[in-house]
Protein backbone atom coordinates (compact mmCIF):
# COMPACT_ATOMS: atom_id res chain seq x y z
CA UNK A 1 39.60 12.83 -7.13
CA UNK A 2 42.16 14.65 -5.05
CA UNK A 3 45.23 12.77 -4.15
CA UNK A 4 46.84 13.50 -0.06
CA UNK A 5 50.20 12.27 0.28
CA UNK A 6 51.91 11.76 3.61
CA UNK A 7 55.18 11.81 4.41
CA UNK A 8 55.60 8.76 6.86
CA UNK A 9 59.77 10.32 8.06
CA UNK A 10 58.57 13.81 8.34
CA UNK A 11 58.55 15.36 11.59
CA UNK A 12 55.21 16.94 10.94
CA UNK A 13 52.36 14.54 12.54
CA UNK A 14 50.63 12.43 10.12
CA UNK A 15 47.39 13.67 11.25
CA UNK A 16 48.43 17.27 11.13
CA UNK A 17 49.71 16.51 7.13
CA UNK A 18 46.06 15.26 6.70
CA UNK A 19 44.24 18.23 8.06
CA UNK A 20 46.00 20.56 6.15
CA UNK A 21 45.72 19.38 2.86
CA UNK A 22 42.03 18.88 3.06
CA UNK A 23 41.70 21.82 4.42
CA UNK A 24 43.82 23.46 1.19
CA UNK A 25 41.12 21.46 -0.78
CA UNK A 26 38.69 23.01 0.68
CA UNK A 27 39.74 26.76 0.44
CA UNK A 28 41.06 26.06 -2.91
CA UNK A 29 37.50 25.07 -4.28
CA UNK A 30 38.74 21.24 -5.26
CA UNK A 31 36.20 20.38 -2.51
CA UNK A 32 33.52 22.68 -2.80
CA UNK A 33 30.67 23.65 -0.43
CA UNK A 34 28.46 20.87 -0.21
CA UNK A 35 31.23 17.93 -1.60
CA UNK A 36 31.04 14.87 -0.17
CA UNK A 37 34.66 14.18 1.44
CA UNK A 38 36.19 10.56 1.07
CA UNK A 39 35.10 7.90 3.75
CA UNK A 40 37.88 6.87 6.21
CA UNK A 41 38.32 3.65 4.58
CA UNK A 42 39.64 5.52 1.08
CA UNK A 43 41.61 7.53 2.58
CA UNK A 44 43.23 4.50 4.94
CA UNK A 45 44.16 2.85 1.55
CA UNK A 46 45.06 5.97 -0.46
CA UNK A 47 47.24 7.34 2.19
CA UNK A 48 48.22 4.27 4.42
CA UNK A 49 46.98 6.33 7.69
CA UNK A 50 44.81 4.20 10.24
CA UNK A 51 40.70 4.87 9.95
CA UNK A 52 41.30 6.18 13.60
CA UNK A 53 43.43 8.98 12.28
CA UNK A 54 41.70 9.73 9.96
CA UNK A 55 38.02 9.59 11.73
CA UNK A 56 40.34 12.38 14.17
CA UNK A 57 41.35 14.54 11.21
CA UNK A 58 37.67 14.46 10.18
CA UNK A 59 36.08 15.73 13.76
CA UNK A 60 38.93 18.32 14.09
CA UNK A 61 37.78 19.37 10.67
CA UNK A 62 34.21 19.68 11.81
CA UNK A 63 35.15 21.25 15.30
CA UNK A 64 37.13 24.42 13.28
CA UNK A 65 34.04 24.58 10.87
CA UNK A 66 34.82 22.96 7.76
CA UNK A 67 32.67 20.25 7.42
CA UNK A 68 29.12 18.82 8.81
CA UNK A 69 29.22 15.51 9.96
CA UNK A 70 25.90 13.90 8.50
CA UNK A 71 24.70 10.65 10.46
CA UNK A 72 24.60 7.86 8.32
CA UNK A 73 25.19 9.88 5.55
CA UNK A 74 29.14 11.05 5.41
CA UNK A 75 31.57 14.43 6.05
CA UNK A 76 30.08 17.51 4.21
CA UNK A 77 31.86 20.84 2.90
CA UNK A 78 30.14 23.23 4.53
CA UNK A 79 29.62 26.73 3.52
CA UNK A 80 31.87 29.63 4.43
CA UNK A 81 30.28 33.24 5.05
CA UNK A 82 27.64 34.76 2.90
CA UNK A 83 28.27 31.33 0.88
CA UNK A 84 25.34 30.13 2.79
CA UNK A 85 23.11 33.12 2.81
CA UNK A 86 23.63 36.57 4.39
CA UNK A 87 23.03 36.83 8.32
CA UNK A 88 23.02 40.74 8.41
CA UNK A 89 19.10 40.37 6.70
CA UNK A 90 17.57 36.96 7.22
CA UNK A 91 14.40 36.44 8.51
CA UNK A 92 13.48 36.09 11.79
CA UNK A 93 12.41 32.26 11.30
CA UNK A 94 16.25 31.58 10.90
CA UNK A 95 16.75 32.14 14.68
CA UNK A 96 12.91 29.59 15.54
CA UNK A 97 13.84 26.93 13.29
CA UNK A 98 17.85 27.19 13.38
CA UNK A 99 17.99 23.24 12.57
CA UNK A 100 15.33 23.90 9.75
CA UNK A 101 17.63 26.59 8.04
CA UNK A 102 21.09 24.09 8.36
CA UNK A 103 18.58 21.98 6.64
CA UNK A 104 17.90 24.34 4.22
CA UNK A 105 21.76 25.30 3.64
CA UNK A 106 22.86 22.09 3.46
CA UNK A 107 20.20 20.92 0.32
CA UNK A 108 21.18 24.24 -1.51
CA UNK A 109 24.94 23.22 -1.14
CA UNK A 110 24.03 19.81 -2.19
CA UNK A 111 21.78 21.12 -5.90
CA UNK A 112 24.82 23.30 -5.95
CA UNK A 113 27.00 20.93 -6.22
CA UNK A 114 25.26 18.41 -8.29
CA UNK A 115 25.36 21.37 -11.39
CA UNK A 116 22.56 23.46 -10.61
CA UNK A 117 22.93 27.39 -10.61
CA UNK A 118 20.97 29.38 -8.12
CA UNK A 119 18.60 30.21 -10.28
CA UNK A 120 17.48 26.87 -10.61
CA UNK A 121 17.93 25.80 -7.19
CA UNK A 122 15.56 28.79 -6.53
CA UNK A 123 12.98 27.65 -9.28
CA UNK A 124 13.22 24.24 -8.11
CA UNK A 125 12.25 25.26 -4.16
CA UNK A 126 9.56 27.73 -5.31
CA UNK A 127 7.95 24.73 -7.30
CA UNK A 128 7.81 22.14 -5.22
CA UNK A 129 6.37 24.72 -2.83
CA UNK A 130 3.44 26.14 -4.53
CA UNK A 131 2.52 22.08 -5.92
CA UNK A 132 2.23 21.40 -2.26
CA UNK A 133 0.35 24.91 -1.24
CA UNK A 134 -1.95 23.69 -4.20
CA UNK A 135 -2.37 19.95 -3.03
CA UNK A 136 -3.12 21.51 0.69
CA UNK A 137 -5.38 24.31 -0.59
CA UNK A 138 -8.20 20.96 -1.56
CA UNK A 139 -8.66 18.06 0.56
CA UNK A 140 -10.81 15.23 -0.91
CA UNK A 141 -11.60 11.70 0.27
CA UNK A 142 -12.06 8.78 -2.07
CA UNK A 143 -13.71 5.56 -1.62
CA UNK A 144 -15.66 3.25 -3.80
CA UNK A 145 -19.27 3.48 -4.34
CA UNK A 146 -19.95 0.20 -3.12
CA UNK A 147 -18.06 1.10 0.24
CA UNK A 148 -18.56 4.96 0.66
CA UNK A 149 -19.46 4.25 4.78
CA UNK A 150 -15.34 3.78 4.77
CA UNK A 151 -14.91 7.27 2.78
CA UNK A 152 -17.83 8.70 4.94
CA UNK A 153 -15.55 7.47 8.27
CA UNK A 154 -12.73 9.41 6.90
CA UNK A 155 -14.14 12.61 6.06
CA UNK A 156 -15.83 12.82 9.44
CA UNK A 157 -12.99 12.03 11.51
CA UNK A 158 -10.56 14.24 9.42
CA UNK A 159 -12.50 16.62 9.29
CA UNK A 160 -12.71 16.49 13.09
CA UNK A 161 -9.25 16.71 13.64
CA UNK A 162 -7.90 19.16 10.80
CA UNK A 163 -10.50 21.49 11.58
CA UNK A 164 -10.53 22.00 7.37
CA UNK A 165 -13.32 21.06 5.29
CA UNK A 166 -12.89 18.26 3.21
CA UNK A 167 -14.72 16.27 0.33
CA UNK A 168 -16.10 13.08 -0.45
CA UNK A 169 -15.48 12.01 -3.73
CA UNK A 170 -16.92 8.09 -5.18
CA UNK A 171 -13.88 6.29 -6.67
CA UNK A 172 -15.98 6.15 -10.21
CA UNK A 173 -16.50 9.85 -10.63
CA UNK A 174 -12.35 11.14 -9.10
CA UNK A 175 -11.10 11.51 -12.32
CA UNK A 176 -13.92 13.73 -13.56
CA UNK A 177 -13.26 16.02 -10.42
CA UNK A 178 -9.55 16.12 -10.69
CA UNK A 179 -10.02 17.20 -14.00
CA UNK A 180 -12.15 19.84 -12.81
CA UNK A 181 -9.48 20.80 -10.09
CA UNK A 182 -6.07 22.84 -10.62
CA UNK A 183 -4.74 20.99 -7.63
CA UNK A 184 -5.47 19.00 -4.51
CA UNK A 185 -4.61 16.35 -2.05
CA UNK A 186 -6.29 13.20 -2.60
CA UNK A 187 -6.46 10.72 1.07
CA UNK A 188 -8.02 7.00 0.74
CA UNK A 189 -7.41 3.63 2.92
CA UNK A 190 -4.38 1.71 1.66
CA UNK A 191 -7.18 -0.58 0.23
CA UNK A 192 -7.97 1.74 -2.23
CA UNK A 193 -4.45 3.50 -3.14
CA UNK A 194 -3.92 1.73 -6.10
CA UNK A 195 -6.93 2.54 -7.87
CA UNK A 196 -6.88 6.11 -6.65
CA UNK A 197 -3.30 6.95 -7.57
CA UNK A 198 -3.48 5.62 -11.13
CA UNK A 199 -6.18 7.97 -11.66
CA UNK A 200 -4.43 10.59 -9.52
CA UNK A 201 -0.95 10.51 -11.26
CA UNK A 202 -1.07 12.33 -14.64
CA UNK A 203 -3.34 14.91 -13.04
CA UNK A 204 -0.25 15.51 -10.86
CA UNK A 205 -2.23 15.54 -7.54
CA UNK A 206 -0.92 13.19 -4.91
CA UNK A 207 -2.50 10.74 -3.06
CA UNK A 208 -1.69 10.00 0.58
CA UNK A 209 -2.97 6.96 2.22
CA UNK A 210 -4.10 6.44 5.52
CA UNK A 211 -3.54 3.76 7.85
CA UNK A 212 -6.59 2.68 9.71
CA UNK A 213 -7.07 1.68 13.69
CA UNK A 214 -5.64 -1.84 14.25
CA UNK A 215 -8.68 -2.95 16.36
CA UNK A 216 -6.00 -4.71 18.85
CA UNK A 217 -7.40 -4.12 21.89
CA UNK A 218 -11.03 -5.40 20.57
CA UNK A 219 -9.49 -8.76 18.66
CA UNK A 220 -8.48 -9.48 22.42
CA UNK A 221 -11.77 -8.95 23.80
CA UNK A 222 -13.63 -11.12 21.10
CA UNK A 223 -11.29 -13.99 22.66
CA UNK A 224 -12.54 -13.75 26.08
CA UNK A 225 -16.69 -14.15 24.53
CA UNK A 226 -17.98 -17.14 25.57
CA UNK A 227 -18.54 -19.49 23.28
CA UNK A 228 -21.55 -19.85 21.38
CA UNK A 229 -22.74 -15.96 21.97
CA UNK A 230 -24.68 -14.03 19.56
CA UNK A 231 -22.12 -11.08 18.22
CA UNK A 232 -23.30 -7.84 16.33
CA UNK A 233 -20.90 -5.88 14.10
CA UNK A 234 -22.14 -2.49 13.04
CA UNK A 235 -20.60 -0.07 10.95
CA UNK A 236 -21.11 2.89 7.72
CA UNK A 237 -18.72 0.77 5.97
CA UNK A 238 -19.88 -2.68 3.89
CA UNK A 239 -16.42 -3.58 3.80
CA UNK A 240 -14.98 -2.82 7.24
CA UNK A 241 -18.21 -5.36 8.01
CA UNK A 242 -17.08 -8.10 5.66
CA UNK A 243 -14.07 -7.76 6.87
CA UNK A 244 -14.39 -8.18 10.56
CA UNK A 245 -16.33 -10.95 10.07
CA UNK A 246 -13.73 -13.25 8.57
CA UNK A 247 -10.85 -12.04 10.91
CA UNK A 248 -13.65 -13.30 13.73
CA UNK A 249 -13.93 -16.52 11.95
CA UNK A 250 -10.25 -17.24 11.49
CA UNK A 251 -10.00 -16.13 15.55
CA UNK A 252 -13.34 -18.53 16.58
CA UNK A 253 -14.34 -20.69 13.54
CA UNK A 254 -17.91 -20.74 14.08
CA UNK A 255 -17.94 -20.75 18.11
CA UNK A 256 -19.60 -17.27 17.06
CA UNK A 257 -22.74 -16.47 15.54
CA UNK A 258 -21.68 -13.31 14.33
CA UNK A 259 -24.55 -10.77 12.61
CA UNK A 260 -23.55 -7.55 10.68
CA UNK A 261 -25.81 -4.46 10.38
CA UNK A 262 -24.89 -1.01 8.29
CA UNK A 263 -25.54 1.70 10.74
CA UNK A 264 -28.56 3.20 8.27
CA UNK A 265 -30.27 -0.45 7.72
CA UNK A 266 -32.63 0.55 10.79
CA UNK A 267 -35.15 -3.06 9.75
CA UNK A 268 -31.47 -5.21 10.46
CA UNK A 269 -30.06 -2.87 13.52
CA UNK A 270 -33.53 -3.62 15.45
CA UNK A 271 -33.11 -7.52 14.66
CA UNK A 272 -29.12 -7.44 15.63
CA UNK A 273 -29.92 -5.78 18.98
CA UNK A 274 -32.68 -8.29 19.51
CA UNK A 275 -30.34 -11.52 18.91
CA UNK A 276 -26.77 -10.04 20.35
CA UNK A 277 -25.40 -10.49 23.38
CA UNK A 278 -22.24 -8.05 22.52
CA UNK A 279 -22.55 -5.62 20.00
CA UNK A 280 -18.91 -3.99 18.39
CA UNK A 281 -19.94 -0.39 17.26
CA UNK A 282 -16.91 0.57 14.66
CA UNK A 283 -17.68 4.34 14.67
CA UNK A 284 -19.33 6.40 16.89
CA UNK A 285 -22.15 7.45 14.39
CA UNK A 286 -22.74 3.29 14.70
CA UNK A 287 -23.08 3.34 18.95
CA UNK A 288 -25.45 6.13 18.15
CA UNK A 289 -27.62 3.85 16.48
CA UNK A 290 -27.18 1.16 18.48
CA UNK A 291 -28.17 2.71 21.74
CA UNK A 292 -31.50 4.27 19.53
CA UNK A 293 -32.32 1.03 18.34
CA UNK A 294 -31.81 -0.53 21.98
CA UNK A 295 -34.59 1.97 23.00
CA UNK A 296 -36.66 1.30 20.11
CA UNK A 297 -37.01 -2.75 21.35
CA UNK A 298 -35.86 -2.58 25.06
CA UNK A 299 -39.67 -3.74 25.78
CA UNK A 300 -38.65 -7.12 23.62
CA UNK A 301 -35.29 -7.38 25.60
CA UNK A 302 -34.91 -9.39 28.23
CA UNK A 303 -31.04 -8.14 29.21
CA UNK A 304 -29.42 -5.24 27.32
CA UNK A 305 -26.06 -6.36 25.10
CA UNK A 306 -22.92 -5.34 25.76
CA UNK A 307 -22.03 -2.53 23.38
CA UNK A 308 -18.18 -2.20 22.92
CA UNK A 309 -17.22 1.00 20.92
CA UNK A 310 -13.80 0.75 19.10
CA UNK A 311 -11.54 4.11 18.40
CA UNK A 312 -11.24 6.03 15.15
CA UNK A 313 -11.18 4.76 11.89
CA UNK A 314 -7.61 6.50 11.21
CA UNK A 315 -4.61 5.96 12.86
CA UNK A 316 -2.77 8.51 14.90
CA UNK A 317 0.06 8.52 12.69
CA UNK A 318 -1.84 9.29 9.93
CA UNK A 319 -3.35 11.96 11.25
CA UNK A 320 0.15 13.30 12.19
CA UNK A 321 1.16 13.00 8.53
CA UNK A 322 -1.51 14.74 7.05
CA UNK A 323 -1.31 17.77 9.33
CA UNK A 324 2.30 17.69 8.66
CA UNK A 325 2.09 17.38 4.66
CA UNK A 326 -0.94 20.00 4.59
CA UNK A 327 0.79 22.50 6.54
CA UNK A 328 -1.56 22.43 10.03
CA UNK A 329 1.70 21.81 12.59
């Protein structure tokens, strides 16, 4: 560790003494690019100076272009001149994304400070980029065969939101499919992510879990339904139906009579439409199926049921994350 010495009796201000000593440490490569400077607390203990004085020196070093202050991370030595890359032949992308370029520079400085050569750093960057590109080339959605409807929901919403092909693979077949794939990204609900990761990890395939919609608005509506009402739940996913039934029971106990039906089960769907005062559709496919069922049995209905249609199955933040990870933004 570089030691700094401050002469308290000197006519030269203590802050100037420290500023020049640190600048010398940087110029002599005792503090190379990417090196983290001691904390103000460490320097205060070493030099006897007040931490405010040290902070002032660090600000002066930053203003002079010797260091960068990173919020929450500390003060780091900046690369000087062509150490940060030649500005004469740099890509126009640098001007389009200046902050991203600075991030690349800092990351490279840190790799060099940790002992990597430039060639090794280049190989690390390219390996990560190549892996991500291969992962982005193929997107797989997976869910257990017993709840393949959840997978169908994810595929429909992802294809609409991302505008790319998405393949649905039952969780039980995922290992065989990945054996034949050179790379890819597996997307699944957090309900199934543990199993998916165990299958994908040995094959160097990444798994991205998605957050499902929280149904907060719909749950509030359920609280206002009159007691002893019949409520129907319709979805492509058996898992959603099971979870919704349990949640409604926890909210209302036996106060509501709950009937469930999957979208493709016409018999149960017709019976549900006849008996329910309120029907909750957990996806647009279910909504269309319920509308068709109402038309089929309309002669048997005294009053058409009220229909509550939920928002997307996948949360907005997960869609944004996938766009970023797949390079679609």
